[in-house]
Protein backbone atom coordinates (compact mmCIF):
# COMPACT_ATOMS: atom_id res chain seq x y z
CA MET A 1 93.48 124.94 78.69
CA GLN A 2 96.07 122.99 80.67
CA ALA A 3 96.35 122.55 84.45
CA ILE A 4 98.60 120.69 86.89
CA VAL A 5 97.23 119.59 90.25
CA THR A 6 99.67 118.14 92.75
CA GLY A 7 98.22 115.84 95.37
CA GLY A 8 95.26 115.37 93.06
CA ARG A 9 94.40 111.90 94.32
CA GLY A 10 93.60 113.14 97.83
CA GLY A 11 90.23 114.42 99.02
CA ILE A 12 90.54 118.12 98.23
CA GLY A 13 92.83 117.48 95.28
CA ARG A 14 90.38 115.06 93.68
CA ALA A 15 87.55 117.61 94.00
CA VAL A 16 89.74 120.28 92.40
CA VAL A 17 90.68 117.97 89.52
CA GLU A 18 87.03 117.14 88.87
CA ARG A 19 86.06 120.81 88.94
CA LEU A 20 88.80 121.91 86.57
CA ALA A 21 88.07 119.06 84.17
CA SER A 22 84.38 119.97 84.16
CA ASN A 23 85.37 123.52 83.21
CA GLY A 24 87.27 122.38 80.14
CA TYR A 25 90.80 122.00 81.48
CA ARG A 26 93.09 119.14 80.57
CA VAL A 27 94.47 118.21 83.97
CA VAL A 28 97.70 116.44 84.85
CA VAL A 29 97.38 114.88 88.31
CA ALA A 30 100.83 114.61 89.91
CA ASP A 31 100.81 112.59 93.10
CA GLY A 32 103.19 110.37 94.98
CA ALA A 33 100.39 107.90 95.69
CA PRO A 34 99.83 105.07 93.21
CA VAL A 35 96.89 105.37 90.84
CA PRO A 36 93.98 103.39 92.36
CA ASP A 37 92.88 100.22 90.62
CA GLY A 38 90.28 100.97 88.01
CA GLU A 39 91.17 104.65 87.76
CA THR A 40 92.82 105.38 84.45
CA SER A 41 93.81 108.45 82.53
CA THR A 42 91.22 109.94 80.19
CA ALA A 43 91.17 112.57 77.47
CA THR A 44 90.85 115.27 80.12
CA VAL A 45 92.68 113.83 83.17
CA THR A 46 96.15 112.29 83.05
CA HIS A 47 97.53 110.56 86.14
CA VAL A 48 101.27 110.48 86.75
CA VAL A 49 103.07 109.09 89.79
CA THR A 50 105.60 111.72 90.84
CA ASP A 51 107.86 111.92 93.85
CA LEU A 52 107.01 115.46 94.86
CA THR A 53 110.03 115.60 97.16
CA ASP A 54 112.45 114.99 94.27
CA GLU A 55 113.65 118.00 92.29
CA ALA A 56 114.47 116.09 89.12
CA ALA A 57 111.10 114.30 89.16
CA ILE A 58 109.25 117.61 89.48
CA LYS A 59 111.26 119.14 86.63
CA ASP A 60 110.38 116.22 84.36
CA MET A 61 106.71 116.24 85.34
CA VAL A 62 106.24 119.98 84.78
CA ARG A 63 108.11 119.90 81.47
CA GLU A 64 106.01 117.05 80.12
CA ALA A 65 102.73 118.45 81.48
CA SER A 66 103.45 121.85 79.93
CA SER A 67 104.48 120.68 76.47
CA ASP A 68 101.35 122.29 75.02
CA GLY A 69 101.33 125.23 77.44
CA LEU A 70 100.16 125.72 81.01
CA HIS A 71 97.41 127.93 82.41
CA VAL A 72 96.87 126.78 86.00
CA LEU A 73 98.91 125.19 88.78
CA VAL A 74 97.18 124.05 91.97
CA ASN A 75 99.35 122.71 94.78
CA CYS A 76 97.21 120.40 96.91
CA ALA A 77 99.87 117.95 98.09
CA GLY A 78 100.20 117.74 101.85
CA ILE A 79 100.76 115.33 104.72
CA SER A 80 99.82 115.60 108.40
CA PRO A 81 101.15 112.72 110.51
CA LYS A 82 99.00 111.69 113.48
CA ARG A 83 99.48 109.77 116.72
CA HIS A 84 96.48 107.54 117.39
CA GLY A 85 94.24 109.90 115.46
CA ALA A 86 95.46 113.02 117.24
CA ALA A 87 98.22 115.58 116.80
CA PRO A 88 101.74 114.49 117.68
CA GLN A 89 103.17 116.57 120.47
CA LEU A 90 106.39 118.45 119.86
CA PRO A 91 108.65 116.07 121.86
CA GLU A 92 107.34 113.15 119.75
CA ILE A 93 108.38 114.63 116.40
CA ASP A 94 111.78 113.49 115.19
CA VAL A 95 113.88 115.31 112.61
CA GLU A 96 113.08 112.82 109.87
CA GLU A 97 109.35 113.38 110.24
CA TRP A 98 109.80 117.15 110.50
CA ASP A 99 111.84 117.23 107.29
CA ARG A 100 109.40 114.96 105.47
CA VAL A 101 106.44 117.22 106.30
CA PHE A 102 108.27 120.35 105.15
CA SER A 103 109.50 118.60 102.02
CA VAL A 104 106.00 117.65 100.91
CA ASN A 105 104.04 120.64 102.21
CA ALA A 106 106.37 123.53 101.36
CA ARG A 107 109.45 122.52 99.38
CA SER A 108 107.46 120.68 96.70
CA CYS A 109 105.32 123.78 96.14
CA PHE A 110 108.39 125.96 95.73
CA LEU A 111 109.79 123.51 93.19
CA THR A 112 106.60 123.20 91.14
CA ILE A 113 106.17 126.98 91.06
CA ARG A 114 109.80 127.53 90.08
CA GLU A 115 109.53 125.06 87.22
CA ALA A 116 106.03 126.09 86.09
CA TRP A 117 106.22 129.87 85.95
CA PRO A 118 108.00 130.16 82.56
CA HIS A 119 105.17 128.13 80.99
CA LEU A 120 102.46 130.03 82.86
CA ALA A 121 103.93 133.36 81.73
CA ASP A 122 102.98 132.56 78.14
CA HIS A 123 99.24 132.76 78.83
CA ASP A 124 96.66 135.35 79.90
CA ASN A 125 95.08 134.94 83.33
CA ALA A 126 97.68 132.34 84.36
CA SER A 127 97.06 131.36 87.95
CA ILE A 128 98.69 129.51 90.84
CA VAL A 129 96.68 128.38 93.85
CA ASN A 130 98.31 126.88 96.93
CA VAL A 131 96.27 124.92 99.44
CA VAL A 132 97.43 126.33 102.78
CA SER A 133 95.48 125.68 106.01
CA ALA A 134 93.52 127.54 108.65
CA VAL A 135 95.95 126.20 111.26
CA ALA A 136 98.84 128.02 109.57
CA LYS A 137 97.68 131.00 111.63
CA ALA A 138 96.52 129.10 114.68
CA ALA A 139 99.65 126.99 115.32
CA ALA A 140 99.51 123.61 117.01
CA SER A 141 97.19 122.93 119.94
CA GLY A 142 98.50 122.66 123.48
CA PRO A 143 99.06 119.32 125.20
CA PRO A 144 96.00 117.10 125.77
CA GLY A 145 93.75 118.48 128.47
CA THR A 146 94.57 122.14 127.89
CA SER A 147 91.88 124.58 126.75
CA PHE A 148 93.92 127.43 125.28
CA GLY A 149 94.01 127.94 121.53
CA LEU A 150 92.11 125.97 118.93
CA ASN A 151 91.78 122.25 119.48
CA HIS A 152 92.74 120.43 116.29
CA PRO A 153 94.64 117.33 115.12
CA ALA A 154 97.62 118.91 113.33
CA GLY A 155 101.14 118.83 114.73
CA ALA A 156 103.61 121.70 114.97
CA HIS A 157 105.42 120.54 111.82
CA TYR A 158 102.24 120.63 109.73
CA CYS A 159 101.22 124.05 111.06
CA ALA A 160 104.68 125.52 110.52
CA SER A 161 104.97 124.08 107.00
CA LYS A 162 101.62 125.55 106.01
CA ALA A 163 102.60 128.90 107.49
CA ALA A 164 105.71 128.77 105.32
CA LEU A 165 103.54 127.98 102.29
CA GLY A 166 101.29 130.93 103.07
CA ASN A 167 104.28 133.25 103.18
CA LEU A 168 105.64 131.74 99.96
CA THR A 169 102.27 132.42 98.32
CA LEU A 170 102.62 136.14 99.04
CA SER A 171 106.22 136.21 97.82
CA VAL A 172 105.30 134.47 94.59
CA ALA A 173 102.37 136.85 94.00
CA ARG A 174 104.72 139.82 94.18
CA ALA A 175 107.51 138.18 92.20
CA LEU A 176 105.34 137.08 89.28
CA ALA A 177 102.70 139.82 89.07
CA GLY A 178 104.71 141.69 86.46
CA ARG A 179 104.67 138.57 84.28
CA GLY A 180 100.89 138.38 84.41
CA ILE A 181 100.76 135.41 86.79
CA ARG A 182 98.46 135.54 89.79
CA CYS A 183 99.17 133.52 92.93
CA ASN A 184 96.64 133.01 95.70
CA GLY A 185 95.95 130.52 98.44
CA VAL A 186 92.98 128.77 99.93
CA ALA A 187 93.05 127.88 103.62
CA PRO A 188 90.70 125.00 104.49
CA GLY A 189 89.62 124.43 108.04
CA TYR A 190 88.37 121.04 109.17
CA ILE A 191 87.35 119.18 106.01
CA ASN A 192 85.60 115.79 106.14
CA SER A 193 87.84 114.07 103.61
CA GLY A 194 91.48 113.31 103.01
CA MET A 195 93.54 113.90 106.16
CA GLY A 196 90.37 114.40 108.19
CA ASN A 197 89.66 110.68 107.81
CA ALA A 198 92.78 109.89 109.88
CA THR A 199 91.44 111.82 112.88
CA ALA A 200 90.01 110.07 115.93
CA ARG A 201 86.26 110.52 116.38
CA SER A 202 86.65 112.17 119.78
CA VAL A 203 89.11 114.70 118.37
CA GLU A 204 86.81 115.46 115.46
CA GLN A 205 83.89 116.06 117.79
CA ALA A 206 85.96 118.53 119.81
CA VAL A 207 86.89 120.40 116.63
CA VAL A 208 83.32 120.54 115.33
CA ARG A 209 82.15 122.07 118.62
CA GLN A 210 84.38 125.04 117.80
CA LEU A 211 82.93 125.64 114.33
CA PRO A 212 80.35 128.44 114.09
CA LEU A 213 78.68 126.66 111.15
CA GLY A 214 78.50 123.51 113.23
CA ARG A 215 79.90 121.00 110.76
CA PRO A 216 83.07 120.07 108.87
CA GLY A 217 83.53 121.51 105.41
CA THR A 218 83.56 119.46 102.23
CA SER A 219 86.16 119.08 99.52
CA ALA A 220 83.66 120.47 97.04
CA GLU A 221 83.38 123.67 99.08
CA VAL A 222 87.14 124.13 98.88
CA ALA A 223 87.07 123.38 95.16
CA ASN A 224 84.44 126.11 94.75
CA VAL A 225 86.95 128.70 95.94
CA VAL A 226 89.79 127.29 93.83
CA GLU A 227 87.48 127.41 90.81
CA PHE A 228 86.86 131.11 91.47
CA LEU A 229 90.52 131.95 92.07
CA VAL A 230 91.67 130.52 88.74
CA SER A 231 88.81 132.10 86.80
CA PRO A 232 88.71 135.46 84.99
CA ALA A 233 86.29 136.60 87.71
CA ALA A 234 89.33 136.81 90.02
CA SER A 235 91.53 138.61 87.49
CA TYR A 236 92.41 141.42 89.92
CA LEU A 237 93.04 139.14 92.87
CA THR A 238 96.57 138.08 93.79
CA GLY A 239 98.48 137.60 97.02
CA GLU A 240 95.32 136.62 98.92
CA ILE A 241 94.64 133.58 101.09
CA VAL A 242 90.95 132.80 101.34
CA ASP A 243 89.77 130.97 104.47
CA VAL A 244 87.29 128.16 103.93
CA ASP A 245 86.81 127.18 107.55
CA GLY A 246 83.22 127.77 108.61
CA GLY A 247 84.24 130.74 110.75
CA TRP A 248 86.68 128.63 112.79
CA TYR A 249 89.48 131.19 112.83
CA PRO A 250 88.04 134.55 111.70
CA ASP A 251 90.32 137.45 110.89
C-alpha cells in the first residue's frame, strides 16, 4: 500500500509517517524542510524535498509518488508564525505573511488533493486525512490581557487558514464519495511537539490550565486517530473532523 504524507518531517507528521510505515505502507514524505542529517530514505519511507506552495512541484511529487498506485494521502503541512513565542496580533500581520500561511496551510492541501484523487480512485478504501486544528473553530485569542475566548498562541491567519481547510475537507468528502474516496480531518489541540515547541513557556502554561485533561497532547495520540481514519474500521466515515484536544473546545 502506498501513502503520501505532506509535512512529514514535523512533529505530528513524523508520528503519522512512523505509524503508517509500521502498518505496512510505503510512505512518501513530502516536505519543504531539508532532510535532517543522518535521516535517509528506506525501503518503506522515501523523503523528498517539495515546495508545497508550488503547483508544478506538487504535480511532479504526486505523479512520482503514485507511479505504483496510491491508497492514502495525509496533509500535515502547516505553519503558525509567532511573535516572541506568542500569537501575532492582527495589526502585526502583513499581507506577505498572511498569504504564506494560507498557501502552506490551505492551498497546498487543495493542490495535493486535486492531483492525488485520480490515483486514489483506483483503490478500495482510499482515504484522505487533513490535519486541521481545534482553533479553526475557536478563532484567534484577544489582545494580551483579555480573558474572553480561548487563550492560545495561534494568529488570525493560522486560525482562518485551518477553518478554510476544515471546510475544504467537507467539500472534498462530498465531491469524491461517489468515487469511493473518503476524506476526513483530525483537529489537534495543544500538542507538545512541532509548532508547540515555538511557544513561550508562560503562554503554554496558560493554555494547559484550560485543558480538562490537564496536559498537552502528543503527536502519537494524533497519529492514533489518523491510523483509525485511514483504516477499514472507518470505512463508513467521511466528512468528519475528529477533535484530539483533551476536551479543550468541546462541541
